[in-house]
Amino acid sequence: MLHRVLQFTATRPVRLACAGLAIALTVNLFYLGAGPGAVNLFQPPWDKVAHFAAFAVLTTLVAIGVGLRRVWIALGIVVLIGLADEAHQATLPGRHAGIDDWVIDAVAALVVVSVIALAVRRRVA
């Protein structure tokens, strides 16, 4: 089963689609995050769950987009997107940047990248 999943995600159309979806998700993160509806959208601790989920999905898309054998590049990209998102929030009325949010984003990316790296390693070994 894992072999088929890894083969499927390695195809050029799938990689391009995932890269496109990652770009769209990132644009929406900044665009929708700037709207008035984003203020206090999730209450603690659900805001952290939402951060983790969004950045886990983003990391998966970026990892497939760059290629599963280069997942550590995806980690760097997503961590930087999280940092940019928090910097962007600091400039918006009613929003605040939080190092805790950025850490959750980075942990989500690290978890996803680690799982993918282990899966790829098992397939290669």
N, C-alpha and C. Protein backbone atom coordinates (compact mmCIF):
# COMPACT_ATOMS: atom_id res chain seq x y z
N MET A 1 0.82 -1.20 0.00
CA MET A 1 0.00 0.00 0.00
C MET A 1 0.87 1.26 0.00
N LEU A 2 1.84 1.32 0.91
CA LEU A 2 2.72 2.48 0.98
C LEU A 2 3.46 2.69 -0.34
N HIS A 3 3.87 1.60 -0.96
CA HIS A 3 4.56 1.67 -2.25
C HIS A 3 3.71 2.40 -3.28
N ARG A 4 2.42 2.08 -3.33
CA ARG A 4 1.52 2.73 -4.31
C ARG A 4 1.34 4.21 -4.01
N VAL A 5 1.20 4.55 -2.73
CA VAL A 5 1.05 5.96 -2.34
C VAL A 5 2.29 6.74 -2.75
N LEU A 6 3.47 6.20 -2.47
CA LEU A 6 4.71 6.89 -2.82
C LEU A 6 4.87 7.02 -4.33
N GLN A 7 4.49 5.98 -5.08
CA GLN A 7 4.55 6.07 -6.53
C GLN A 7 3.60 7.12 -7.07
N PHE A 8 2.38 7.15 -6.52
CA PHE A 8 1.36 8.10 -6.97
C PHE A 8 1.80 9.53 -6.73
N THR A 9 2.35 9.80 -5.54
CA THR A 9 2.74 11.18 -5.22
C THR A 9 3.98 11.61 -5.99
N ALA A 10 4.69 10.68 -6.58
CA ALA A 10 5.90 11.03 -7.33
C ALA A 10 5.60 11.48 -8.75
N THR A 11 4.37 11.33 -9.21
CA THR A 11 4.06 11.72 -10.58
C THR A 11 4.05 13.24 -10.72
N ARG A 12 4.47 13.70 -11.86
CA ARG A 12 4.56 15.14 -12.10
C ARG A 12 3.22 15.87 -11.93
N PRO A 13 2.12 15.35 -12.48
CA PRO A 13 0.85 16.06 -12.29
C PRO A 13 0.45 16.19 -10.82
N VAL A 14 0.68 15.16 -10.03
CA VAL A 14 0.32 15.22 -8.61
C VAL A 14 1.21 16.23 -7.89
N ARG A 15 2.50 16.21 -8.20
CA ARG A 15 3.41 17.18 -7.56
C ARG A 15 3.03 18.60 -7.92
N LEU A 16 2.71 18.86 -9.18
CA LEU A 16 2.31 20.21 -9.60
C LEU A 16 0.99 20.63 -8.94
N ALA A 17 0.05 19.71 -8.86
CA ALA A 17 -1.23 20.03 -8.22
C ALA A 17 -1.03 20.36 -6.74
N CYS A 18 -0.20 19.58 -6.07
CA CYS A 18 0.05 19.84 -4.64
C CYS A 18 0.79 21.16 -4.44
N ALA A 19 1.74 21.46 -5.31
CA ALA A 19 2.45 22.74 -5.22
C ALA A 19 1.46 23.89 -5.43
N GLY A 20 0.58 23.75 -6.40
CA GLY A 20 -0.43 24.78 -6.65
C GLY A 20 -1.37 24.96 -5.47
N LEU A 21 -1.80 23.84 -4.88
CA LEU A 21 -2.67 23.92 -3.71
C LEU A 21 -1.94 24.54 -2.51
N ALA A 22 -0.67 24.25 -2.37
CA ALA A 22 0.12 24.85 -1.28
C ALA A 22 0.21 26.37 -1.46
N ILE A 23 0.41 26.80 -2.68
CA ILE A 23 0.47 28.23 -2.95
C ILE A 23 -0.89 28.87 -2.67
N ALA A 24 -1.96 28.22 -3.12
CA ALA A 24 -3.31 28.75 -2.88
C ALA A 24 -3.62 28.82 -1.38
N LEU A 25 -3.24 27.79 -0.64
CA LEU A 25 -3.47 27.79 0.81
C LEU A 25 -2.69 28.91 1.49
N THR A 26 -1.47 29.12 1.06
CA THR A 26 -0.64 30.19 1.64
C THR A 26 -1.23 31.57 1.34
N VAL A 27 -1.66 31.78 0.10
CA VAL A 27 -2.28 33.05 -0.27
C VAL A 27 -3.54 33.28 0.56
N ASN A 28 -4.36 32.24 0.70
CA ASN A 28 -5.57 32.37 1.51
C ASN A 28 -5.26 32.63 2.97
N LEU A 29 -4.20 32.02 3.47
CA LEU A 29 -3.80 32.24 4.85
C LEU A 29 -3.54 33.73 5.10
N PHE A 30 -2.86 34.36 4.18
CA PHE A 30 -2.56 35.79 4.33
C PHE A 30 -3.77 36.66 4.00
N TYR A 31 -4.49 36.33 2.95
CA TYR A 31 -5.63 37.14 2.52
C TYR A 31 -6.78 37.06 3.52
N LEU A 32 -7.19 35.83 3.84
CA LEU A 32 -8.31 35.68 4.77
C LEU A 32 -7.91 36.05 6.20
N GLY A 33 -6.64 35.87 6.52
CA GLY A 33 -6.16 36.25 7.84
C GLY A 33 -6.16 37.74 8.08
N ALA A 34 -6.22 38.50 7.00
CA ALA A 34 -6.24 39.96 7.11
C ALA A 34 -7.67 40.50 7.27
N GLY A 35 -8.66 39.65 7.06
CA GLY A 35 -10.04 40.09 7.13
C GLY A 35 -10.54 40.21 8.56
N PRO A 36 -11.62 40.94 8.75
CA PRO A 36 -12.16 41.13 10.10
C PRO A 36 -12.67 39.84 10.73
N GLY A 37 -13.05 38.87 9.92
CA GLY A 37 -13.55 37.61 10.45
C GLY A 37 -12.49 36.75 11.10
N ALA A 38 -11.22 37.07 10.87
CA ALA A 38 -10.13 36.27 11.42
C ALA A 38 -9.83 36.60 12.87
N VAL A 39 -10.32 37.73 13.35
CA VAL A 39 -10.06 38.12 14.73
C VAL A 39 -10.84 37.20 15.67
N ASN A 40 -10.13 36.53 16.55
CA ASN A 40 -10.73 35.61 17.52
C ASN A 40 -11.62 34.55 16.88
N LEU A 41 -11.19 34.06 15.71
CA LEU A 41 -11.95 33.03 15.00
C LEU A 41 -12.02 31.75 15.83
N PHE A 42 -10.91 31.38 16.45
CA PHE A 42 -10.86 30.20 17.33
C PHE A 42 -10.42 30.65 18.71
N GLN A 43 -11.08 30.14 19.71
CA GLN A 43 -10.72 30.44 21.09
C GLN A 43 -9.70 29.42 21.58
N PRO A 44 -8.84 29.83 22.53
CA PRO A 44 -7.88 28.87 23.09
C PRO A 44 -8.62 27.70 23.74
N PRO A 45 -8.13 26.51 23.64
CA PRO A 45 -6.91 26.05 22.97
C PRO A 45 -7.13 25.68 21.51
N TRP A 46 -8.34 25.90 21.00
CA TRP A 46 -8.67 25.48 19.64
C TRP A 46 -7.88 26.25 18.59
N ASP A 47 -7.40 27.43 18.93
CA ASP A 47 -6.58 28.17 17.98
C ASP A 47 -5.29 27.41 17.67
N LYS A 48 -4.75 26.75 18.69
CA LYS A 48 -3.51 25.96 18.47
C LYS A 48 -3.80 24.72 17.63
N VAL A 49 -4.95 24.11 17.86
CA VAL A 49 -5.35 22.94 17.06
C VAL A 49 -5.52 23.36 15.61
N ALA A 50 -6.14 24.52 15.39
CA ALA A 50 -6.33 25.02 14.02
C ALA A 50 -4.98 25.32 13.36
N HIS A 51 -4.06 25.93 14.10
CA HIS A 51 -2.72 26.17 13.56
C HIS A 51 -2.05 24.86 13.17
N PHE A 52 -2.08 23.88 14.08
CA PHE A 52 -1.43 22.61 13.82
C PHE A 52 -2.03 21.95 12.57
N ALA A 53 -3.34 21.91 12.48
CA ALA A 53 -4.01 21.26 11.35
C ALA A 53 -3.69 21.96 10.03
N ALA A 54 -3.79 23.28 10.03
CA ALA A 54 -3.54 24.04 8.79
C ALA A 54 -2.09 23.84 8.32
N PHE A 55 -1.15 23.90 9.25
CA PHE A 55 0.24 23.78 8.85
C PHE A 55 0.66 22.34 8.58
N ALA A 56 -0.05 21.37 9.14
CA ALA A 56 0.20 19.97 8.78
C ALA A 56 -0.23 19.72 7.33
N VAL A 57 -1.40 20.25 6.97
CA VAL A 57 -1.87 20.11 5.58
C VAL A 57 -0.92 20.85 4.64
N LEU A 58 -0.55 22.06 4.99
CA LEU A 58 0.36 22.84 4.15
C LEU A 58 1.69 22.10 3.97
N THR A 59 2.22 21.55 5.03
CA THR A 59 3.49 20.81 4.95
C THR A 59 3.36 19.60 4.04
N THR A 60 2.25 18.88 4.14
CA THR A 60 2.04 17.72 3.28
C THR A 60 2.03 18.13 1.82
N LEU A 61 1.32 19.19 1.51
CA LEU A 61 1.25 19.67 0.13
C LEU A 61 2.61 20.13 -0.38
N VAL A 62 3.33 20.88 0.44
CA VAL A 62 4.65 21.36 0.04
C VAL A 62 5.61 20.18 -0.14
N ALA A 63 5.56 19.22 0.77
CA ALA A 63 6.46 18.07 0.70
C ALA A 63 6.23 17.28 -0.59
N ILE A 64 4.99 17.06 -0.93
CA ILE A 64 4.70 16.36 -2.19
C ILE A 64 5.13 17.23 -3.37
N GLY A 65 4.88 18.52 -3.27
CA GLY A 65 5.25 19.43 -4.35
C GLY A 65 6.75 19.47 -4.63
N VAL A 66 7.57 19.48 -3.58
CA VAL A 66 9.02 19.53 -3.79
C VAL A 66 9.61 18.15 -4.02
N GLY A 67 8.86 17.13 -3.70
CA GLY A 67 9.33 15.76 -3.87
C GLY A 67 9.60 15.14 -2.51
N LEU A 68 9.10 13.94 -2.32
CA LEU A 68 9.15 13.30 -1.01
C LEU A 68 10.57 13.00 -0.54
N ARG A 69 11.51 12.96 -1.44
CA ARG A 69 12.90 12.72 -1.04
C ARG A 69 13.59 14.00 -0.57
N ARG A 70 12.90 15.14 -0.73
CA ARG A 70 13.44 16.43 -0.29
C ARG A 70 12.52 17.08 0.74
N VAL A 71 11.99 16.27 1.64
CA VAL A 71 11.02 16.79 2.60
C VAL A 71 11.59 17.82 3.54
N TRP A 72 12.89 17.78 3.78
CA TRP A 72 13.49 18.76 4.69
C TRP A 72 13.45 20.16 4.10
N ILE A 73 13.41 20.25 2.78
CA ILE A 73 13.21 21.55 2.13
C ILE A 73 11.80 22.06 2.46
N ALA A 74 10.84 21.15 2.44
CA ALA A 74 9.47 21.52 2.79
C ALA A 74 9.39 22.05 4.22
N LEU A 75 10.13 21.43 5.11
CA LEU A 75 10.16 21.90 6.50
C LEU A 75 10.61 23.36 6.56
N GLY A 76 11.69 23.67 5.89
CA GLY A 76 12.20 25.04 5.88
C GLY A 76 11.21 26.03 5.29
N ILE A 77 10.59 25.64 4.19
CA ILE A 77 9.62 26.52 3.53
C ILE A 77 8.44 26.81 4.45
N VAL A 78 7.90 25.77 5.07
CA VAL A 78 6.71 25.94 5.90
C VAL A 78 7.03 26.70 7.19
N VAL A 79 8.19 26.47 7.76
CA VAL A 79 8.58 27.23 8.96
C VAL A 79 8.69 28.72 8.61
N LEU A 80 9.23 29.02 7.45
CA LEU A 80 9.33 30.43 7.02
C LEU A 80 7.95 31.02 6.73
N ILE A 81 7.05 30.23 6.16
CA ILE A 81 5.68 30.72 5.93
C ILE A 81 5.01 31.03 7.27
N GLY A 82 5.21 30.17 8.26
CA GLY A 82 4.65 30.41 9.59
C GLY A 82 5.19 31.68 10.21
N LEU A 83 6.49 31.90 10.05
CA LEU A 83 7.12 33.12 10.57
C LEU A 83 6.56 34.35 9.86
N ALA A 84 6.42 34.27 8.54
CA ALA A 84 5.87 35.38 7.77
C ALA A 84 4.41 35.65 8.17
N ASP A 85 3.67 34.58 8.43
CA ASP A 85 2.27 34.73 8.85
C ASP A 85 2.18 35.47 10.18
N GLU A 86 3.03 35.11 11.12
CA GLU A 86 3.01 35.79 12.42
C GLU A 86 3.46 37.25 12.29
N ALA A 87 4.45 37.50 11.46
CA ALA A 87 4.89 38.89 11.22
C ALA A 87 3.75 39.70 10.58
N HIS A 88 3.04 39.08 9.66
CA HIS A 88 1.91 39.73 9.00
C HIS A 88 0.81 40.04 10.03
N GLN A 89 0.53 39.10 10.91
CA GLN A 89 -0.51 39.31 11.93
C GLN A 89 -0.16 40.49 12.84
N ALA A 90 1.11 40.70 13.09
CA ALA A 90 1.53 41.80 13.97
C ALA A 90 1.15 43.16 13.39
N THR A 91 0.93 43.23 12.10
CA THR A 91 0.60 44.51 11.45
C THR A 91 -0.90 44.73 11.31
N LEU A 92 -1.70 43.76 11.72
CA LEU A 92 -3.15 43.85 11.51
C LEU A 92 -3.88 44.29 12.77
N PRO A 93 -4.86 45.18 12.61
CA PRO A 93 -5.63 45.61 13.78
C PRO A 93 -6.43 44.44 14.36
N GLY A 94 -6.39 44.31 15.68
CA GLY A 94 -7.12 43.26 16.35
C GLY A 94 -6.41 41.92 16.39
N ARG A 95 -5.31 41.80 15.67
CA ARG A 95 -4.56 40.54 15.64
C ARG A 95 -3.25 40.75 16.39
N HIS A 96 -2.66 39.67 16.80
CA HIS A 96 -1.35 39.76 17.43
C HIS A 96 -0.50 38.57 16.99
N ALA A 97 0.77 38.81 16.90
CA ALA A 97 1.71 37.74 16.57
C ALA A 97 2.06 37.00 17.84
N GLY A 98 2.23 35.71 17.72
CA GLY A 98 2.59 34.93 18.90
C GLY A 98 3.66 33.91 18.58
N ILE A 99 4.72 33.91 19.38
CA ILE A 99 5.77 32.92 19.21
C ILE A 99 5.20 31.52 19.42
N ASP A 100 4.20 31.40 20.30
CA ASP A 100 3.58 30.10 20.54
C ASP A 100 2.87 29.58 19.29
N ASP A 101 2.23 30.47 18.53
CA ASP A 101 1.60 30.05 17.27
C ASP A 101 2.65 29.57 16.28
N TRP A 102 3.76 30.30 16.19
CA TRP A 102 4.81 29.92 15.27
C TRP A 102 5.43 28.58 15.67
N VAL A 103 5.59 28.36 16.95
CA VAL A 103 6.14 27.08 17.43
C VAL A 103 5.20 25.94 17.05
N ILE A 104 3.90 26.13 17.22
CA ILE A 104 2.92 25.10 16.83
C ILE A 104 3.00 24.84 15.34
N ASP A 105 3.13 25.89 14.53
CA ASP A 105 3.28 25.73 13.08
C ASP A 105 4.51 24.88 12.76
N ALA A 106 5.62 25.21 13.42
CA ALA A 106 6.88 24.50 13.18
C ALA A 106 6.80 23.04 13.65
N VAL A 107 6.15 22.81 14.78
CA VAL A 107 5.99 21.43 15.28
C VAL A 107 5.14 20.61 14.32
N ALA A 108 4.07 21.20 13.82
CA ALA A 108 3.23 20.50 12.83
C ALA A 108 4.06 20.12 11.60
N ALA A 109 4.86 21.06 11.12
CA ALA A 109 5.70 20.79 9.95
C ALA A 109 6.71 19.69 10.27
N LEU A 110 7.32 19.75 11.43
CA LEU A 110 8.31 18.74 11.82
C LEU A 110 7.69 17.35 11.94
N VAL A 111 6.51 17.27 12.52
CA VAL A 111 5.82 15.98 12.65
C VAL A 111 5.54 15.38 11.28
N VAL A 112 4.97 16.18 10.39
CA VAL A 112 4.63 15.68 9.05
C VAL A 112 5.88 15.26 8.29
N VAL A 113 6.91 16.10 8.32
CA VAL A 113 8.14 15.79 7.60
C VAL A 113 8.79 14.53 8.17
N SER A 114 8.76 14.36 9.47
CA SER A 114 9.34 13.17 10.10
C SER A 114 8.60 11.90 9.67
N VAL A 115 7.27 11.96 9.66
CA VAL A 115 6.48 10.80 9.23
C VAL A 115 6.77 10.47 7.77
N ILE A 116 6.82 11.47 6.92
CA ILE A 116 7.11 11.23 5.50
C ILE A 116 8.51 10.67 5.34
N ALA A 117 9.48 11.24 6.03
CA ALA A 117 10.87 10.76 5.91
C ALA A 117 10.98 9.30 6.34
N LEU A 118 10.31 8.94 7.42
CA LEU A 118 10.32 7.54 7.86
C LEU A 118 9.66 6.63 6.84
N ALA A 119 8.54 7.07 6.27
CA ALA A 119 7.85 6.27 5.27
C ALA A 119 8.72 6.07 4.02
N VAL A 120 9.38 7.13 3.59
CA VAL A 120 10.26 7.02 2.42
C VAL A 120 11.45 6.12 2.74
N ARG A 121 12.02 6.26 3.93
CA ARG A 121 13.16 5.43 4.34
C ARG A 121 12.77 3.96 4.37
N ARG A 122 11.59 3.66 4.90
CA ARG A 122 11.12 2.26 4.95
C ARG A 122 10.95 1.72 3.54
N ARG A 123 10.49 2.55 2.63
CA ARG A 123 10.26 2.10 1.25
C ARG A 123 11.59 1.83 0.57
N VAL A 124 12.58 2.68 0.80
CA VAL A 124 13.89 2.55 0.17
C VAL A 124 14.65 1.37 0.76
N ALA A 125 14.53 1.16 2.05
CA ALA A 125 15.29 0.10 2.74
C ALA A 125 14.80 -1.29 2.37
